[in-house]
């Protein structure tokens, strides 16, 4: 029996014991299928919330969620880009297997999702907030309340403001209140916080520059600190809504047998975080609460990946995970902190505003990154370039005050190979790839990466995708089309020798 099948078989056998291990007080409720509430933040770093040790950011409800549940310290996403991360989670596939690996490519109709499987098994399914997965996923949800844009504010197609308070969370409680009460339910609650652009005055007690804790790869300037403080405000606003969700579940008397899993879709929208495969791009907060099954206040240090969510949710619902899933169920970890379901995670970076193709493998101690398009700079997303912090960095670059780590986003060519000892170097500042003392580690990590690429059919594209934005200004090029056509449409045009452009571009 393969390792993967063994893990799935073992965790499926474990399910009845988890479901029947409680005292008589909760026996009647635990006999029912659990409800599942999936909360996904937008562009929030793993260590920018209180449970992971941030001393200044205000996230009391997430703090409480961690106290009442289990916090994972080594949880990772499959990519550091918004829509590819979400389609990877819902399909249980690595982005390159979704055919939606580039930003804003819709998940194709033929791809199955765990939400569809839950719905088919009798769950009522609903989504409120940010969607970003394409029209073919619509029918997986009984109710889909996608956040709406106010097109009368902001540059057309860019930096728009949402209808409502801007959080994207406005309908979360309404969705929970209006669900049918005679079915188990699954809800996908998707915040727009803390996606750019940032605005002042969104919370009553805003954070200030004195609250900001900066990573060493951004400069300590007034502009950068103000940008971070505004980002903190969005994280705190999201936290308020999470508190409302927990309170609503308690008011409905369903909290005991309702699973809450909180993650982010990628890291914060700052240089060297979002759209990179460094820790600030792919490491995610991961907190799970299930009062009927999980003892509160626990910390789990095992590796988990976003592709593990789909098989886990299906097993929690008493279903057998789909064979095509790329991940493993992490159910065993909820019962035993000493069990490991994987010894490495795999992550990938594709086109997001700008072309890129990068892969990474991460163990408990080391990370290896392979930059296949090393001739391109590690340009952050276009909304970061238009933001206050990046503009401040540009000013410092002109002054010549940026250090080596802070210049990384500007440098081309990049290192083709990057190797980091995460334990000794958590900010990934010291590339060990050329250090002979780590040559055996480098070869091992390269081997791991190639084995995963082969096993999952991860193949380098034959052509590159033109940038949607100018790297210098963050403003659109003629190649930016919204809504973005599917991968199939792009591939058809490529086969015909055509390049898709926006006919309305001026």
Protein backbone atom coordinates (compact mmCIF):
# COMPACT_ATOMS: atom_id res chain seq x y z
CA UNK A 1 0.00 0.00 0.00
CA UNK A 2 1.40 3.43 -0.94
CA UNK A 3 2.18 6.00 1.75
CA UNK A 4 -0.59 8.26 0.52
CA UNK A 5 -3.19 5.48 0.45
CA UNK A 6 -2.03 4.32 3.88
CA UNK A 7 -2.60 7.77 5.38
CA UNK A 8 -6.06 8.03 3.79
CA UNK A 9 -6.98 4.47 4.87
CA UNK A 10 -5.77 5.04 8.41
CA UNK A 11 -7.57 8.36 8.86
CA UNK A 12 -10.78 6.94 7.42
CA UNK A 13 -10.63 4.06 9.89
CA UNK A 14 -10.01 6.60 12.64
CA UNK A 15 -13.16 8.58 11.81
CA UNK A 16 -15.65 6.41 13.77
CA UNK A 17 -13.47 6.61 16.85
CA UNK A 18 -13.33 10.39 16.61
CA UNK A 19 -17.07 10.59 16.11
CA UNK A 20 -17.86 8.34 19.09
CA UNK A 21 -15.20 9.30 21.60
CA UNK A 22 -17.22 11.93 23.46
CA UNK A 23 -19.24 11.62 26.66
CA UNK A 24 -23.02 11.13 26.80
CA UNK A 25 -23.63 14.85 27.12
CA UNK A 26 -22.75 15.41 23.46
CA UNK A 27 -23.57 11.95 22.08
CA UNK A 28 -26.74 12.99 20.29
CA UNK A 29 -25.10 15.95 18.60
CA UNK A 30 -21.91 14.13 17.60
CA UNK A 31 -23.95 11.41 15.91
CA UNK A 32 -24.96 14.03 13.38
CA UNK A 33 -22.77 15.13 10.50
CA UNK A 34 -20.70 18.12 11.58
CA UNK A 35 -21.29 21.55 10.15
CA UNK A 36 -18.25 23.15 8.53
CA UNK A 37 -17.41 26.86 8.44
CA UNK A 38 -14.40 27.71 6.30
CA UNK A 39 -13.08 31.24 6.79
CA UNK A 40 -10.49 32.46 4.31
CA UNK A 41 -8.70 35.78 4.70
CA UNK A 42 -7.28 37.75 1.79
CA UNK A 43 -3.56 38.61 1.79
CA UNK A 44 -2.97 38.11 5.53
CA UNK A 45 0.42 36.94 6.78
CA UNK A 46 0.59 33.99 9.15
CA UNK A 47 2.40 36.00 11.86
CA UNK A 48 0.30 39.16 11.57
CA UNK A 49 -2.33 37.93 14.03
CA UNK A 50 -2.14 37.60 17.79
CA UNK A 51 -2.13 33.79 18.08
CA UNK A 52 1.22 33.64 16.27
CA UNK A 53 2.85 36.09 18.64
CA UNK A 54 2.21 39.53 17.16
CA UNK A 55 2.17 41.82 20.19
CA UNK A 56 0.56 44.92 18.70
CA UNK A 57 -2.07 43.92 16.15
CA UNK A 58 -5.55 43.61 17.65
CA UNK A 59 -7.15 40.24 16.88
CA UNK A 60 -8.98 39.22 20.08
CA UNK A 61 -11.43 36.89 18.33
CA UNK A 62 -8.69 34.97 16.53
CA UNK A 63 -6.83 34.82 19.84
CA UNK A 64 -9.91 33.19 21.36
CA UNK A 65 -10.35 30.86 18.38
CA UNK A 66 -6.82 29.54 18.94
CA UNK A 67 -7.46 29.13 22.67
CA UNK A 68 -10.58 27.12 21.90
CA UNK A 69 -9.03 25.02 19.13
CA UNK A 70 -5.78 23.85 17.56
CA UNK A 71 -3.18 26.15 16.01
CA UNK A 72 -0.85 24.85 13.29
CA UNK A 73 2.63 26.36 13.16
CA UNK A 74 3.76 24.87 9.84
CA UNK A 75 0.83 25.27 7.46
CA UNK A 76 1.39 26.18 3.84
CA UNK A 77 -0.48 27.18 0.72
CA UNK A 78 0.20 25.71 -2.69
CA UNK A 79 0.73 29.16 -4.19
CA UNK A 80 0.95 32.82 -3.17
CA UNK A 81 -1.66 34.17 -5.59
CA UNK A 82 -5.33 34.85 -4.84
CA UNK A 83 -7.52 32.90 -7.28
CA UNK A 84 -5.08 30.01 -7.92
CA UNK A 85 -4.87 29.47 -4.17
CA UNK A 86 -8.65 29.31 -3.84
CA UNK A 87 -9.17 27.00 -6.81
CA UNK A 88 -6.43 24.76 -5.46
CA UNK A 89 -8.15 24.55 -2.07
CA UNK A 90 -11.62 23.83 -3.43
CA UNK A 91 -10.42 21.22 -5.95
CA UNK A 92 -7.81 19.56 -3.74
CA UNK A 93 -5.29 19.89 -6.58
CA UNK A 94 -1.97 21.63 -7.01
CA UNK A 95 -2.49 24.75 -9.14
CA UNK A 96 -0.80 23.26 -12.21
CA UNK A 97 -3.38 20.46 -12.13
CA UNK A 98 -6.39 22.80 -11.85
CA UNK A 99 -5.96 24.42 -15.28
CA UNK A 100 -6.59 27.63 -13.34
CA UNK A 101 -3.01 28.24 -12.24
CA UNK A 102 -2.75 31.82 -13.46
CA UNK A 103 -4.45 34.74 -11.73
CA UNK A 104 -8.15 35.05 -12.65
CA UNK A 105 -8.27 31.90 -14.75
CA UNK A 106 -11.59 30.18 -13.90
CA UNK A 107 -11.66 26.60 -12.63
CA UNK A 108 -12.82 24.44 -15.58
CA UNK A 109 -16.21 22.75 -15.50
CA UNK A 110 -14.78 19.23 -15.46
CA UNK A 111 -12.83 19.76 -12.23
CA UNK A 112 -14.57 18.31 -9.19
CA UNK A 113 -14.67 20.14 -5.85
CA UNK A 114 -15.15 19.02 -2.27
CA UNK A 115 -18.04 21.50 -1.97
CA UNK A 116 -19.83 19.74 -4.80
CA UNK A 117 -19.31 16.42 -3.02
CA UNK A 118 -20.66 17.80 0.26
CA UNK A 119 -23.71 19.17 -1.52
CA UNK A 120 -24.33 15.84 -3.22
CA UNK A 121 -24.15 14.16 0.19
CA UNK A 122 -26.91 16.33 1.66
CA UNK A 123 -25.05 19.38 2.90
CA UNK A 124 -26.46 22.85 2.33
CA UNK A 125 -23.61 24.91 0.91
CA UNK A 126 -23.22 28.68 0.85
CA UNK A 127 -20.58 31.28 0.04
CA UNK A 128 -20.46 34.92 1.12
CA UNK A 129 -17.73 37.42 0.27
CA UNK A 130 -14.89 37.14 -2.20
CA UNK A 131 -15.44 34.46 -4.85
CA UNK A 132 -12.73 34.56 -7.57
CA UNK A 133 -13.06 30.95 -8.82
CA UNK A 134 -15.05 31.22 -12.05
CA UNK A 135 -18.57 30.57 -13.22
CA UNK A 136 -18.37 26.77 -13.24
CA UNK A 137 -18.07 26.64 -9.44
CA UNK A 138 -21.31 28.63 -8.98
CA UNK A 139 -23.57 25.59 -8.88
CA UNK A 140 -21.53 23.97 -6.11
CA UNK A 141 -23.20 26.42 -3.74
CA UNK A 142 -26.90 26.51 -2.90
CA UNK A 143 -26.44 30.21 -2.20
CA UNK A 144 -23.63 32.41 -3.51
CA UNK A 145 -23.47 36.01 -2.32
CA UNK A 146 -20.42 37.48 -4.01
CA UNK A 147 -19.14 40.83 -2.79
CA UNK A 148 -20.01 43.71 -5.12
CA UNK A 149 -17.86 46.54 -6.40
CA UNK A 150 -18.78 50.21 -6.42
CA UNK A 151 -17.66 51.17 -9.92
CA UNK A 152 -18.26 54.86 -9.30
CA UNK A 153 -15.23 55.09 -7.03
CA UNK A 154 -11.58 54.71 -7.99
CA UNK A 155 -9.65 54.28 -11.23
CA UNK A 156 -11.69 52.19 -13.65
CA UNK A 157 -10.91 48.52 -13.05
CA UNK A 158 -8.27 49.33 -10.41
CA UNK A 159 -8.29 50.18 -6.71
CA UNK A 160 -12.08 50.11 -6.53
CA UNK A 161 -14.07 50.15 -3.32
CA UNK A 162 -16.61 47.54 -2.32
CA UNK A 163 -20.27 48.10 -1.68
CA UNK A 164 -20.75 48.06 2.08
CA UNK A 165 -18.00 48.68 4.62
CA UNK A 166 -15.28 47.35 2.32
CA UNK A 167 -14.55 44.17 4.27
CA UNK A 168 -16.35 41.74 1.97
CA UNK A 169 -17.78 40.17 5.13
CA UNK A 170 -21.10 42.04 5.18
CA UNK A 171 -23.23 38.98 4.37
CA UNK A 172 -21.51 36.39 6.56
CA UNK A 173 -24.04 36.48 9.39
CA UNK A 174 -27.00 36.76 7.04
CA UNK A 175 -25.83 33.60 5.27
CA UNK A 176 -25.69 31.70 8.57
CA UNK A 177 -29.07 33.01 9.65
CA UNK A 178 -30.88 32.21 6.43
CA UNK A 179 -29.57 28.68 5.97
CA UNK A 180 -32.10 25.84 6.24
CA UNK A 181 -32.15 24.43 9.77
CA UNK A 182 -32.84 20.81 8.81
CA UNK A 183 -29.53 20.09 6.99
CA UNK A 184 -25.87 20.00 7.92
CA UNK A 185 -24.24 23.05 6.37
CA UNK A 186 -20.97 24.14 4.81
CA UNK A 187 -20.16 27.82 4.43
CA UNK A 188 -17.23 29.43 2.63
CA UNK A 189 -16.80 32.83 4.28
CA UNK A 190 -14.29 34.86 2.28
CA UNK A 191 -13.01 38.19 3.51
CA UNK A 192 -11.70 40.91 1.21
CA UNK A 193 -9.55 42.09 4.11
CA UNK A 194 -6.65 42.64 3.93
CA UNK A 195 -6.43 43.07 0.16
CA UNK A 196 -5.22 46.36 -1.25
CA UNK A 197 -6.00 49.21 -1.64
CA UNK A 198 -5.92 50.29 2.01
CA UNK A 199 -7.99 53.21 3.29
CA UNK A 200 -7.86 55.27 6.46
CA UNK A 201 -10.62 55.40 9.05
CA UNK A 202 -12.02 51.89 8.61
CA UNK A 203 -11.93 51.01 12.34
CA UNK A 204 -12.60 53.12 15.43
CA UNK A 205 -9.18 52.71 17.01
CA UNK A 206 -6.68 52.58 14.15
CA UNK A 207 -3.16 51.24 14.46
CA UNK A 208 -0.29 53.67 14.29
CA UNK A 209 3.33 53.53 13.12
CA UNK A 210 4.37 52.68 16.68
CA UNK A 211 2.43 49.40 16.41
CA UNK A 212 4.22 48.23 13.29
CA UNK A 213 6.70 45.36 13.34
CA UNK A 214 8.65 45.30 10.09
CA UNK A 215 10.44 42.35 8.49
CA UNK A 216 14.07 43.13 7.60
CA UNK A 217 13.41 43.03 3.84
CA UNK A 218 11.47 46.33 3.84
CA UNK A 219 12.97 49.69 4.90
CA UNK A 220 12.02 51.41 8.13
CA UNK A 221 10.46 54.53 6.61
CA UNK A 222 7.40 56.55 7.52
CA UNK A 223 5.68 55.53 4.28
CA UNK A 224 6.25 51.82 4.83
CA UNK A 225 5.12 51.99 8.46
CA UNK A 226 1.95 53.88 7.54
CA UNK A 227 1.20 51.29 4.86
CA UNK A 228 1.63 48.47 7.38
CA UNK A 229 -0.57 50.24 9.94
CA UNK A 230 -3.40 50.51 7.41
CA UNK A 231 -2.96 46.82 6.63
CA UNK A 232 -3.22 46.03 10.36
CA UNK A 233 -6.55 47.89 10.46
CA UNK A 234 -7.97 45.59 7.79
CA UNK A 235 -6.82 42.51 9.70
CA UNK A 236 -8.55 43.83 12.83
CA UNK A 237 -11.77 44.54 10.91
CA UNK A 238 -11.80 40.97 9.63
CA UNK A 239 -11.25 39.74 13.18
CA UNK A 240 -14.42 41.54 14.29
CA UNK A 241 -16.45 39.59 11.76
CA UNK A 242 -14.90 36.31 12.88
CA UNK A 243 -16.10 37.12 16.38
CA UNK A 244 -19.60 37.70 15.02
CA UNK A 245 -19.55 34.32 13.26
CA UNK A 246 -18.61 32.49 16.46
CA UNK A 247 -21.30 34.36 18.41
CA UNK A 248 -23.93 33.52 15.77
CA UNK A 249 -23.08 29.82 15.86
CA UNK A 250 -23.40 29.88 19.64
CA UNK A 251 -26.72 31.73 19.43
CA UNK A 252 -28.02 29.04 17.07
CA UNK A 253 -26.86 26.30 19.48
CA UNK A 254 -24.79 24.60 16.79
CA UNK A 255 -21.29 25.63 17.90
CA UNK A 256 -20.44 22.33 19.59
CA UNK A 257 -20.54 20.25 16.42
CA UNK A 258 -19.46 22.96 13.98
CA UNK A 259 -15.93 22.91 12.60
CA UNK A 260 -14.30 26.29 11.99
CA UNK A 261 -11.11 26.41 9.93
CA UNK A 262 -9.40 29.76 9.43
CA UNK A 263 -6.66 30.27 6.82
CA UNK A 264 -5.44 32.98 4.42
CA UNK A 265 -5.21 32.65 0.64
CA UNK A 266 -1.63 33.99 0.55
CA UNK A 267 0.70 36.30 2.43
CA UNK A 268 0.40 40.04 2.91
CA UNK A 269 0.48 42.36 -0.10
CA UNK A 270 3.96 43.74 0.49
CA UNK A 271 7.27 43.30 -1.34
CA UNK A 272 8.85 39.84 -1.02
CA UNK A 273 5.65 38.40 0.46
CA UNK A 274 2.60 37.92 -1.79
CA UNK A 275 3.43 36.35 -5.20
CA UNK A 276 6.69 34.89 -3.85
CA UNK A 277 7.48 31.45 -2.46
CA UNK A 278 9.19 32.83 0.61
CA UNK A 279 7.53 32.25 3.97
CA UNK A 280 5.77 35.61 3.67
CA UNK A 281 4.05 34.37 0.53
CA UNK A 282 3.04 30.77 1.21
CA UNK A 283 3.03 30.21 4.97
CA UNK A 284 -0.49 30.66 6.30
CA UNK A 285 -2.30 31.02 9.61
CA UNK A 286 -4.23 27.80 10.21
CA UNK A 287 -6.53 27.51 13.19
CA UNK A 288 -9.19 24.84 13.58
CA UNK A 289 -11.91 24.70 16.22
CA UNK A 290 -14.29 21.77 16.74
CA UNK A 291 -15.50 21.72 20.35
CA UNK A 292 -17.07 18.27 20.08
CA UNK A 293 -13.81 16.67 18.94
CA UNK A 294 -10.79 18.89 19.52
CA UNK A 295 -9.47 19.91 22.92
CA UNK A 296 -8.74 23.63 22.99
CA UNK A 297 -5.41 25.32 23.46
CA UNK A 298 -3.40 22.85 21.38
CA UNK A 299 -0.51 23.58 19.03
CA UNK A 300 0.43 21.29 16.17
CA UNK A 301 3.89 21.58 14.61
CA UNK A 302 3.46 19.13 11.73
CA UNK A 303 3.50 20.15 8.07
CA UNK A 304 0.13 20.60 6.36
CA UNK A 305 -0.73 21.93 2.91
CA UNK A 306 -3.77 23.64 1.46
CA UNK A 307 -4.35 20.58 -0.74
CA UNK A 308 -5.04 18.67 2.48
CA UNK A 309 -8.19 20.68 3.21
CA UNK A 310 -10.44 19.03 0.61
CA UNK A 311 -9.83 15.41 1.68
CA UNK A 312 -10.09 16.39 5.34
CA UNK A 313 -13.44 18.14 5.01
CA UNK A 314 -14.81 15.17 3.09
CA UNK A 315 -13.69 12.74 5.77
CA UNK A 316 -15.09 14.96 8.49
CA UNK A 317 -18.43 14.66 6.70
CA UNK A 318 -18.12 10.87 6.60
CA UNK A 319 -17.21 10.75 2.90
CA UNK A 320 -14.31 9.05 1.19
CA UNK A 321 -11.95 11.59 -0.42
CA UNK A 322 -11.69 11.66 -4.19
CA UNK A 323 -8.85 9.64 -5.67
CA UNK A 324 -7.71 12.58 -7.79
CA UNK A 325 -6.94 14.80 -4.78
CA UNK A 326 -3.26 15.75 -4.48
CA UNK A 327 -3.38 16.07 -0.70
CA UNK A 328 -3.79 13.96 2.44
CA UNK A 329 -6.41 14.15 5.15
CA UNK A 330 -5.03 15.78 8.28
CA UNK A 331 -7.69 14.12 10.48
CA UNK A 332 -5.06 12.03 12.30
CA UNK A 333 -3.32 15.22 13.46
CA UNK A 334 -6.45 16.33 15.30
CA UNK A 335 -6.28 13.25 17.50
CA UNK A 336 -2.51 12.86 17.89
CA UNK A 337 0.04 15.67 17.70
CA UNK A 338 2.85 13.16 17.15
CA UNK A 339 1.51 11.84 13.84
CA UNK A 340 2.97 13.26 10.60
CA UNK A 341 1.12 13.01 7.30
CA UNK A 342 3.87 14.55 5.16
CA UNK A 343 7.57 15.38 5.39
CA UNK A 344 7.51 18.13 2.78
CA UNK A 345 5.21 20.63 1.13
CA UNK A 346 5.26 21.80 -2.48
CA UNK A 347 4.42 25.28 -3.72
CA UNK A 348 4.36 27.07 -7.04
CA UNK A 349 4.30 30.59 -8.43
CA UNK A 350 2.72 31.35 -11.80
CA UNK A 351 1.62 34.48 -13.61
CA UNK A 352 0.08 37.05 -11.23
CA UNK A 353 -0.10 40.46 -12.94
CA UNK A 354 3.43 39.67 -14.13
CA UNK A 355 4.92 36.55 -15.65
CA UNK A 356 6.83 34.17 -13.39
CA UNK A 357 7.45 30.46 -12.97
CA UNK A 358 8.96 29.38 -9.67
CA UNK A 359 8.75 26.20 -7.59
CA UNK A 360 9.58 25.40 -3.98
CA UNK A 361 9.82 22.41 -1.69
CA UNK A 362 9.86 22.92 2.08
CA UNK A 363 10.72 20.47 4.84
CA UNK A 364 10.67 21.16 8.57
CA UNK A 365 14.13 22.70 8.35
CA UNK A 366 14.95 23.65 4.78
CA UNK A 367 13.38 25.33 1.78
CA UNK A 368 14.56 25.06 -1.80
CA UNK A 369 13.33 27.51 -4.44
CA UNK A 370 13.93 27.05 -8.17
CA UNK A 371 13.50 30.21 -10.28
CA UNK A 372 12.90 28.95 -13.82
CA UNK A 373 12.54 32.51 -15.17
CA UNK A 374 15.57 33.84 -13.34
CA UNK A 375 16.02 36.60 -15.94
CA UNK A 376 12.89 38.33 -14.58
CA UNK A 377 12.97 40.42 -11.39
CA UNK A 378 10.83 39.30 -8.43
CA UNK A 379 8.33 42.10 -9.06
CA UNK A 380 5.48 42.25 -6.52
CA UNK A 381 1.85 42.49 -7.62
CA UNK A 382 0.68 45.63 -9.38
CA UNK A 383 -1.42 46.87 -6.45
CA UNK A 384 1.69 46.71 -4.26
CA UNK A 385 3.59 48.81 -6.80
CA UNK A 386 0.84 51.43 -6.68
CA UNK A 387 0.90 51.39 -2.88
CA UNK A 388 2.46 53.74 -0.35
CA UNK A 389 5.10 51.30 0.91
CA UNK A 390 6.55 50.47 -2.50
CA UNK A 391 6.68 54.13 -3.46
CA UNK A 392 8.64 54.77 -0.29
CA UNK A 393 11.00 51.92 -1.19
CA UNK A 394 11.57 53.46 -4.61
CA UNK A 395 12.58 56.72 -2.96
CA UNK A 396 15.06 54.88 -0.75
CA UNK A 397 16.40 52.97 -3.74
CA UNK A 398 17.14 56.26 -5.48
CA UNK A 399 18.96 57.43 -2.33
CA UNK A 400 20.99 54.23 -2.24
CA UNK A 401 19.88 53.35 1.29
CA UNK A 402 18.31 49.92 0.70
CA UNK A 403 20.20 46.91 1.99
CA UNK A 404 20.75 43.68 0.05
CA UNK A 405 17.54 42.02 1.27
CA UNK A 406 15.48 45.10 0.44
CA UNK A 407 16.87 45.23 -3.10
CA UNK A 408 15.87 41.64 -3.89
CA UNK A 409 12.64 42.63 -5.69
CA UNK A 410 14.56 44.85 -8.10
CA UNK A 411 17.43 42.55 -9.05
CA UNK A 412 17.62 40.74 -12.39
CA UNK A 413 18.80 38.17 -13.03
CA UNK A 414 17.83 36.39 -9.83
CA UNK A 415 19.56 33.37 -8.36
CA UNK A 416 18.33 30.27 -10.15
CA UNK A 417 18.65 28.19 -6.99
CA UNK A 418 17.86 29.33 -3.48
CA UNK A 419 18.33 27.24 -0.32
CA UNK A 420 17.47 28.39 3.18
CA UNK A 421 17.77 26.94 6.65
CA UNK A 422 14.43 28.13 7.99
CA UNK A 423 15.28 27.36 11.60
CA UNK A 424 18.46 29.45 11.59
CA UNK A 425 17.25 31.98 9.01
CA UNK A 426 13.46 32.43 9.28
CA UNK A 427 13.42 35.51 7.02
CA UNK A 428 15.32 33.64 4.27
CA UNK A 429 18.10 36.20 3.92
CA UNK A 430 21.09 33.86 3.53
CA UNK A 431 21.05 31.79 0.33
CA UNK A 432 23.00 28.59 1.02
CA UNK A 433 22.79 27.18 -2.52
CA UNK A 434 26.45 27.92 -3.25
CA UNK A 435 27.68 26.94 0.22
CA UNK A 436 29.60 23.67 -0.13
CA UNK A 437 28.72 22.66 3.43
CA UNK A 438 25.11 22.34 2.28
CA UNK A 439 25.75 20.61 -1.05
CA UNK A 440 24.16 17.34 0.07
CA UNK A 441 21.11 19.20 1.39
CA UNK A 442 20.80 21.07 -1.90
CA UNK A 443 20.94 17.85 -3.91
CA UNK A 444 18.33 16.24 -1.66
CA UNK A 445 15.98 19.20 -2.00
CA UNK A 446 16.45 19.33 -5.77
CA UNK A 447 15.65 15.63 -5.93
CA UNK A 448 12.51 16.10 -3.86
CA UNK A 449 11.32 18.88 -6.14
CA UNK A 450 11.91 16.91 -9.31
CA UNK A 451 10.14 13.85 -7.90
CA UNK A 452 7.06 15.92 -7.11
CA UNK A 453 7.12 17.60 -10.52
CA UNK A 454 7.29 14.21 -12.22
CA UNK A 455 4.64 12.59 -10.02
CA UNK A 456 2.18 15.45 -10.50
CA UNK A 457 2.98 16.18 -14.16
CA UNK A 458 4.24 19.70 -13.52
CA UNK A 459 5.65 20.85 -16.87
CA UNK A 460 7.34 24.11 -17.88
CA UNK A 461 5.17 26.09 -20.37
CA UNK A 462 6.40 26.37 -23.92
CA UNK A 463 5.72 30.13 -24.05
CA UNK A 464 5.55 32.98 -21.58
CA UNK A 465 2.48 35.08 -20.82
CA UNK A 466 2.76 38.84 -21.47
CA UNK A 467 2.55 41.05 -18.37
CA UNK A 468 -0.85 42.56 -17.58
CA UNK A 469 0.77 45.63 -16.01
CA UNK A 470 3.86 47.74 -16.48
CA UNK A 471 6.43 46.73 -13.87
CA UNK A 472 7.52 50.33 -13.31
CA UNK A 473 4.10 51.90 -12.65
CA UNK A 474 1.63 49.12 -11.88
CA UNK A 475 -0.70 50.46 -14.59
CA UNK A 476 -2.39 48.18 -17.15
CA UNK A 477 -0.90 47.05 -20.43
CA UNK A 478 -2.96 46.10 -23.48
CA UNK A 479 -2.82 42.46 -22.39
CA UNK A 480 -5.00 42.98 -19.32
CA UNK A 481 -8.49 41.57 -19.98
CA UNK A 482 -11.26 41.39 -17.38
CA UNK A 483 -13.00 39.07 -16.94
CA UNK A 484 -9.95 37.06 -17.87
CA UNK A 485 -10.53 34.29 -20.42
CA UNK A 486 -9.92 30.68 -19.40
CA UNK A 487 -6.70 28.77 -19.92
CA UNK A 488 -8.37 26.88 -22.77
CA UNK A 489 -9.09 30.13 -24.60
CA UNK A 490 -5.50 31.33 -24.13
CA UNK A 491 -4.10 28.01 -25.34
CA UNK A 492 -6.37 28.01 -28.39
CA UNK A 493 -5.23 31.51 -29.33
CA UNK A 494 -1.61 30.52 -28.82
CA UNK A 495 -2.05 27.48 -31.08
CA UNK A 496 -3.48 29.79 -33.74
CA UNK A 497 -0.55 32.19 -33.43
CA UNK A 498 -2.62 34.92 -31.79
CA UNK A 499 -1.96 36.93 -28.61
CA UNK A 500 -5.06 38.04 -26.70
CA UNK A 501 -5.33 41.78 -26.05
CA UNK A 502 -7.93 44.11 -24.58
CA UNK A 503 -9.84 45.73 -27.49
CA UNK A 504 -10.83 48.64 -25.23
CA UNK A 505 -7.27 49.43 -24.14
CA UNK A 506 -6.34 53.06 -24.59
